[in-house]
Each structure stands twice: as C-alpha cells, then as structure tokens.
N, C-alpha and C. Protein backbone atom coordinates (compact mmCIF):
# COMPACT_ATOMS: atom_id res chain seq x y z
N UNK A 1 -54.19 66.16 74.15
CA UNK A 1 -55.16 66.56 75.37
C UNK A 1 -55.21 68.04 75.30
N UNK A 2 -56.69 68.56 75.78
CA UNK A 2 -56.90 69.82 76.18
C UNK A 2 -55.81 70.88 76.55
N UNK A 3 -55.33 71.76 76.09
CA UNK A 3 -54.57 72.69 77.05
C UNK A 3 -55.24 73.53 77.45
N UNK A 4 -54.42 73.64 79.28
CA UNK A 4 -55.10 74.11 80.26
C UNK A 4 -54.87 75.73 80.50
N UNK A 5 -56.01 76.33 80.86
CA UNK A 5 -55.78 77.53 81.03
C UNK A 5 -56.10 78.62 82.49
N UNK A 6 -55.84 79.32 82.48
CA UNK A 6 -56.35 80.06 83.88
C UNK A 6 -56.90 81.24 83.29
N UNK A 7 -58.17 82.07 84.10
CA UNK A 7 -58.77 83.08 83.76
C UNK A 7 -59.07 83.17 85.35
N UNK A 8 -59.00 84.97 84.93
CA UNK A 8 -59.42 85.73 86.02
C UNK A 8 -60.24 86.56 85.72
N UNK A 9 -61.68 85.96 86.69
CA UNK A 9 -62.71 87.62 85.83
C UNK A 9 -63.49 87.73 87.11
N UNK A 10 -63.30 89.22 86.72
CA UNK A 10 -63.90 90.22 87.67
C UNK A 10 -65.24 90.60 87.10
N UNK A 11 -66.52 90.06 87.85
CA UNK A 11 -68.13 90.31 87.59
C UNK A 11 -68.75 91.48 88.66
N UNK A 12 -69.28 92.54 87.29
CA UNK A 12 -69.52 93.86 88.71
C UNK A 12 -71.44 93.35 88.23
N UNK A 13 -72.11 94.11 89.29
CA UNK A 13 -73.50 94.32 89.03
C UNK A 13 -74.24 94.13 90.14
N UNK A 14 -75.28 93.30 90.34
CA UNK A 14 -75.73 92.56 91.89
C UNK A 14 -75.28 91.79 91.53
N UNK A 15 -74.45 91.13 92.36
CA UNK A 15 -73.69 90.12 92.66
C UNK A 15 -73.16 89.65 93.59
N UNK A 16 -73.78 90.44 94.72
CA UNK A 16 -73.52 90.00 96.23
C UNK A 16 -75.10 89.88 96.57
N UNK A 17 -74.47 88.65 97.77
CA UNK A 17 -76.13 88.31 98.01
C UNK A 17 -76.83 87.59 97.70
N UNK A 18 -76.72 87.32 96.26
CA UNK A 18 -77.45 86.54 95.40
C UNK A 18 -77.14 84.81 95.16
N UNK A 19 -75.63 84.50 96.26
CA UNK A 19 -75.32 83.32 96.11
C UNK A 19 -74.32 83.20 94.74
N UNK A 20 -73.99 83.87 94.12
CA UNK A 20 -73.25 84.10 93.34
C UNK A 20 -72.22 83.32 93.54
N UNK A 21 -71.33 83.31 94.63
CA UNK A 21 -70.14 82.23 95.22
C UNK A 21 -70.61 80.70 94.71
N UNK A 22 -71.99 80.56 95.78
CA UNK A 22 -71.79 79.17 95.91
C UNK A 22 -71.99 78.58 94.52
N UNK A 23 -73.08 79.39 94.00
CA UNK A 23 -73.38 78.52 92.58
C UNK A 23 -72.24 78.89 91.64
N UNK A 24 -71.03 79.71 91.45
CA UNK A 24 -69.90 79.77 90.78
C UNK A 24 -69.33 77.85 90.79
N UNK A 25 -69.47 77.82 92.81
CA UNK A 25 -68.65 76.54 92.72
C UNK A 25 -69.21 75.51 92.26
N UNK A 26 -70.78 75.62 92.49
CA UNK A 26 -70.92 74.02 91.88
C UNK A 26 -71.02 74.25 90.43
N UNK A 27 -70.69 75.41 89.31
CA UNK A 27 -70.84 75.52 88.11
C UNK A 27 -69.59 74.77 87.85
N UNK A 28 -68.21 75.46 88.43
CA UNK A 28 -67.29 74.75 88.29
C UNK A 28 -66.88 73.34 88.63
N UNK A 29 -67.17 72.96 89.51
CA UNK A 29 -66.68 71.61 89.62
C UNK A 29 -67.94 70.66 88.99
N UNK A 30 -68.93 70.99 88.60
CA UNK A 30 -70.02 70.81 87.36
C UNK A 30 -68.88 70.44 86.28
N UNK A 31 -67.86 71.29 86.28
CA UNK A 31 -67.26 71.37 84.86
C UNK A 31 -65.71 70.57 85.28
N UNK A 32 -65.40 69.83 86.04
CA UNK A 32 -64.37 69.95 86.39
C UNK A 32 -62.93 70.99 86.63
N UNK A 33 -63.41 72.14 87.04
CA UNK A 33 -62.32 73.25 87.13
C UNK A 33 -61.78 73.44 88.75
N UNK A 34 -61.05 73.90 88.00
CA UNK A 34 -59.85 74.32 89.70
C UNK A 34 -59.78 75.65 89.80
N UNK A 35 -59.51 76.55 91.21
CA UNK A 35 -59.81 77.57 91.60
C UNK A 35 -60.25 77.83 92.19
N UNK A 36 -61.12 79.32 92.35
CA UNK A 36 -62.29 79.88 93.63
C UNK A 36 -62.89 81.16 92.95
N UNK A 37 -63.41 81.70 94.46
CA UNK A 37 -64.18 82.64 93.92
C UNK A 37 -64.29 83.56 95.61
N UNK A 38 -64.57 84.66 95.24
CA UNK A 38 -64.86 85.53 96.63
C UNK A 38 -65.38 87.11 96.17
N UNK A 39 -65.69 87.46 97.22
CA UNK A 39 -66.43 88.64 97.18
C UNK A 39 -65.28 89.61 97.54
N UNK A 40 -65.20 90.94 96.82
CA UNK A 40 -64.23 92.34 96.65
C UNK A 40 -65.01 92.81 97.18
N UNK A 41 -64.30 93.72 98.16
CA UNK A 41 -64.97 95.02 99.14
C UNK A 41 -65.54 96.23 97.92
N UNK A 42 -65.54 96.54 96.95
CA UNK A 42 -65.72 96.78 96.19
C UNK A 42 -67.57 96.70 95.48
N UNK A 43 -67.82 95.28 95.79
CA UNK A 43 -69.07 95.44 95.93
C UNK A 43 -69.48 94.27 94.38
N UNK A 44 -67.84 93.81 93.76
CA UNK A 44 -67.90 93.11 92.43
C UNK A 44 -67.45 90.94 93.04
N UNK A 45 -67.27 90.96 92.26
CA UNK A 45 -67.08 89.02 92.53
C UNK A 45 -65.77 88.87 91.70
N UNK A 46 -65.06 88.23 92.63
CA UNK A 46 -63.45 87.39 91.81
C UNK A 46 -63.61 86.29 91.74
N UNK A 47 -63.13 85.75 90.65
CA UNK A 47 -63.15 83.87 90.19
C UNK A 47 -62.05 83.63 89.31
N UNK A 48 -61.34 82.90 89.79
CA UNK A 48 -60.27 82.03 89.02
C UNK A 48 -60.90 80.72 88.65
N UNK A 49 -60.62 80.71 87.27
CA UNK A 49 -60.99 79.13 87.02
C UNK A 49 -59.63 78.65 86.33
N UNK A 50 -59.55 77.37 86.54
CA UNK A 50 -58.82 76.56 85.77
C UNK A 50 -58.76 75.36 85.44
N UNK A 51 -57.90 75.05 84.12
CA UNK A 51 -58.56 73.61 83.25
C UNK A 51 -59.13 74.17 82.29
N UNK A 52 -59.46 72.94 81.38
CA UNK A 52 -59.45 72.90 80.35
C UNK A 52 -59.99 74.19 79.40
N UNK A 53 -59.63 74.59 78.29
CA UNK A 53 -60.06 75.84 77.38
C UNK A 53 -61.48 75.58 77.63
N UNK A 54 -61.78 74.75 76.84
CA UNK A 54 -63.56 75.02 76.76
C UNK A 54 -64.29 74.68 77.52
N UNK A 55 -64.12 73.84 78.58
CA UNK A 55 -64.92 74.56 80.46
C UNK A 55 -64.71 75.73 81.09
N UNK A 56 -63.41 75.80 81.02
CA UNK A 56 -63.24 77.48 81.15
C UNK A 56 -64.08 78.57 80.95
N UNK A 57 -64.45 78.55 79.68
CA UNK A 57 -64.80 79.48 78.38
C UNK A 57 -66.15 79.08 78.80
N UNK A 58 -66.77 77.67 79.59
CA UNK A 58 -68.34 78.00 79.61
C UNK A 58 -68.76 78.68 80.79
N UNK A 59 -67.87 78.37 81.56
CA UNK A 59 -67.75 78.79 83.13
C UNK A 59 -67.83 80.14 82.99
N UNK A 60 -67.18 80.80 82.18
CA UNK A 60 -66.81 82.86 81.62
C UNK A 60 -68.13 83.07 81.24
N UNK A 61 -68.74 81.59 80.56
CA UNK A 61 -70.25 82.38 79.59
C UNK A 61 -71.36 82.35 80.44
N UNK A 62 -71.29 81.23 81.63
CA UNK A 62 -72.66 81.07 83.07
C UNK A 62 -71.99 82.42 83.69
N UNK A 63 -70.97 83.20 83.78
CA UNK A 63 -70.77 84.30 84.61
C UNK A 63 -71.86 85.52 84.14
N UNK A 64 -71.33 85.21 82.66
CA UNK A 64 -72.29 86.66 81.93
C UNK A 64 -73.84 86.86 82.52
N UNK A 65 -74.10 85.52 83.20
CA UNK A 65 -75.80 85.67 83.76
C UNK A 65 -75.40 85.28 85.16
N UNK A 66 -74.72 84.77 85.55
CA UNK A 66 -74.86 84.07 87.07
C UNK A 66 -75.90 83.54 87.64
N UNK A 67 -76.55 83.45 88.72
CA UNK A 67 -77.36 82.82 89.25
C UNK A 67 -78.97 83.44 89.19
N UNK A 68 -79.87 82.97 89.64
CA UNK A 68 -81.00 83.74 90.00
C UNK A 68 -80.76 84.77 90.62
N UNK A 69 -81.68 85.90 90.71
CA UNK A 69 -81.40 86.92 91.61
C UNK A 69 -80.01 87.50 91.00
N UNK A 70 -78.98 87.09 90.36
CA UNK A 70 -77.90 88.27 90.32
C UNK A 70 -78.55 89.05 88.62
N UNK A 71 -77.89 90.42 88.87
CA UNK A 71 -77.91 91.56 87.68
C UNK A 71 -76.77 91.47 86.93
N UNK A 72 -75.67 90.86 86.31
CA UNK A 72 -74.45 91.07 85.36
C UNK A 72 -74.51 92.14 84.90
N UNK A 73 -73.76 93.22 85.21
CA UNK A 73 -73.52 94.21 84.27
C UNK A 73 -72.13 94.21 83.31
N UNK A 74 -71.02 93.65 83.96
CA UNK A 74 -69.97 94.17 82.93
C UNK A 74 -69.17 93.18 83.80
N UNK A 75 -68.17 91.97 83.13
CA UNK A 75 -67.21 91.37 83.16
C UNK A 75 -65.78 91.65 82.59
N UNK A 76 -65.14 91.26 82.89
CA UNK A 76 -63.27 91.70 82.63
C UNK A 76 -62.87 89.92 83.02
N UNK A 77 -62.40 89.53 81.98
CA UNK A 77 -61.78 88.68 81.85
C UNK A 77 -59.69 88.83 81.73
N UNK A 78 -58.93 88.21 82.47
CA UNK A 78 -57.49 88.23 82.50
C UNK A 78 -56.82 87.16 82.36
N UNK A 79 -56.24 86.80 81.16
CA UNK A 79 -55.56 85.18 80.93
C UNK A 79 -54.42 85.61 81.96
N UNK A 80 -54.08 84.04 82.74
CA UNK A 80 -53.20 84.22 83.20
C UNK A 80 -52.35 83.17 83.40
N UNK A 81 -50.86 82.99 83.89
CA UNK A 81 -50.28 81.50 83.82
C UNK A 81 -50.91 80.87 84.63
N UNK A 82 -50.67 79.57 84.29
CA UNK A 82 -51.36 78.23 85.46
C UNK A 82 -50.61 78.54 86.63
N UNK A 83 -51.77 78.39 87.50
CA UNK A 83 -50.59 78.06 88.99
C UNK A 83 -50.99 76.70 89.74
N UNK A 84 -51.72 76.16 88.97
CA UNK A 84 -52.03 74.49 89.44
C UNK A 84 -53.00 74.79 91.13
N UNK A 85 -54.11 75.32 90.31
CA UNK A 85 -55.52 75.60 92.06
C UNK A 85 -55.32 73.78 91.91
N UNK A 86 -55.74 73.42 92.93
CA UNK A 86 -56.23 72.29 93.61
C UNK A 86 -57.84 72.16 94.47
N UNK A 87 -58.63 72.37 93.57
CA UNK A 87 -60.38 72.00 94.01
C UNK A 87 -60.55 73.02 93.45
N UNK A 88 -62.17 73.80 94.10
CA UNK A 88 -62.83 74.96 93.74
C UNK A 88 -63.22 74.69 95.31
N UNK A 89 -62.64 76.49 95.63
CA UNK A 89 -63.01 76.71 97.09
C UNK A 89 -63.97 78.60 96.63
N UNK A 90 -64.49 78.23 97.84
CA UNK A 90 -65.07 79.60 98.19
C UNK A 90 -64.06 80.69 99.54
N UNK A 91 -63.33 81.41 98.87
CA UNK A 91 -63.10 82.50 99.60
C UNK A 91 -63.49 83.45 100.57
N UNK A 92 -63.08 83.37 101.54
CA UNK A 92 -63.92 84.72 103.02
C UNK A 92 -63.46 85.60 103.07
C-alpha cells in the first residue's frame, strides 16, 4: 500500500478571482485526495493535500499552472504530519 502524505502548498501570482479554489477542489477529488483550499488575505492561495504520495505530487504539479486564467509565479511546498482530513473542502 502506498504511503500517505500531507503537503501544504502556498501559491503566488494571479491566483485569486480565477476559479483556483473550485478547480483545485475538482482536481483533488479526481485524484482521491483529502484536504482543503483557501484564499489568503495577502493574495495567495493555500492548499493542503492528503493522500497517496504519487497523487499528492500530481496535484502539486497541477498547482504550478492552475486553472485557465491563473498566472502562477511561485509555489512553496511544506511536508507535514498527516492529520487525516476527511473530504476536500473550499474554506472561506
């Protein structure tokens, strides 16, 4: 069985107002991941992915481009201890 991992991803660029949260949620669900996504007041998007390592890495790669209309300038990844998120939500 594949090891489960947790990654916190901070995404900079033109990432708010371009459906980044909704499309990140769709991508995560399609990959069978748990976690959440939210807009941060500083204009970035923060995401937590939990699941199998290969699919978490796929989701991180997706974040490097994001949805149509986004312009990602930088992403930062922090690997954390699992917290057993349940489902994938958009936080407001």
